[in-house]
Amino acid sequence: MPVTADDFLKSALSFEDCRHEMTLRNRVSRAYYGAYLLARDVQIASKIKAPNGRGGVHAQLIDYYRQEMNPEMGSVSQREIAGLLSMAKVLRTKADYKLNILIPASDGSTAVRCAQDVHLIIKNHG
C-alpha cells in the first residue's frame, strides 16, 4: 500500500510520549517529511516548477512558497508554509545529522506543530 504525507505525520504523532533519543529524532524527521511531502504534492499539482537556485529540492520547495508561485493559494498562506517548512527543516537537519548533540523533546513538539500547521493551511486552501 502506498505511503502518504498523512502517514508520515501520523507516525510522528505516534512517538508523542516517548523520550528516547532515537525516537525523538524519528519524530522530528517524520513530522518534517509529513509537511514536506504534502507541500511538494501541492507544488507538483500546480504544474509550476519550483525555482532552480540555492540548495537542493528541499530548499527549492521552500523558495517556491516563499516566492508565492502558486496562483491558487494566497500570498499569506504560501509565506506561512515557507516559514513552517524552513523551521521544520532546520530541526530535521539537526535531528538527522547532528549526532553528537541530544535532541530536546521540544524539537519533536515543534516539528509536529509545524507539520500540523502546514497540513491545516493546505487543507483549508482546497
Foldseek 3Di string as FASTA:
>chain_A
DDDALVNLLVQLVVLLPDDDQLSLLSSLQSLLSSLQRVLVVLVVVLVDDQDPDPDDPLVSSLNCLCVPVRPLADNVLSPLSSVLSVLSVVLNCCSVPVVVDGRDSVSSVSSSVSSVSSVVSVVVSD
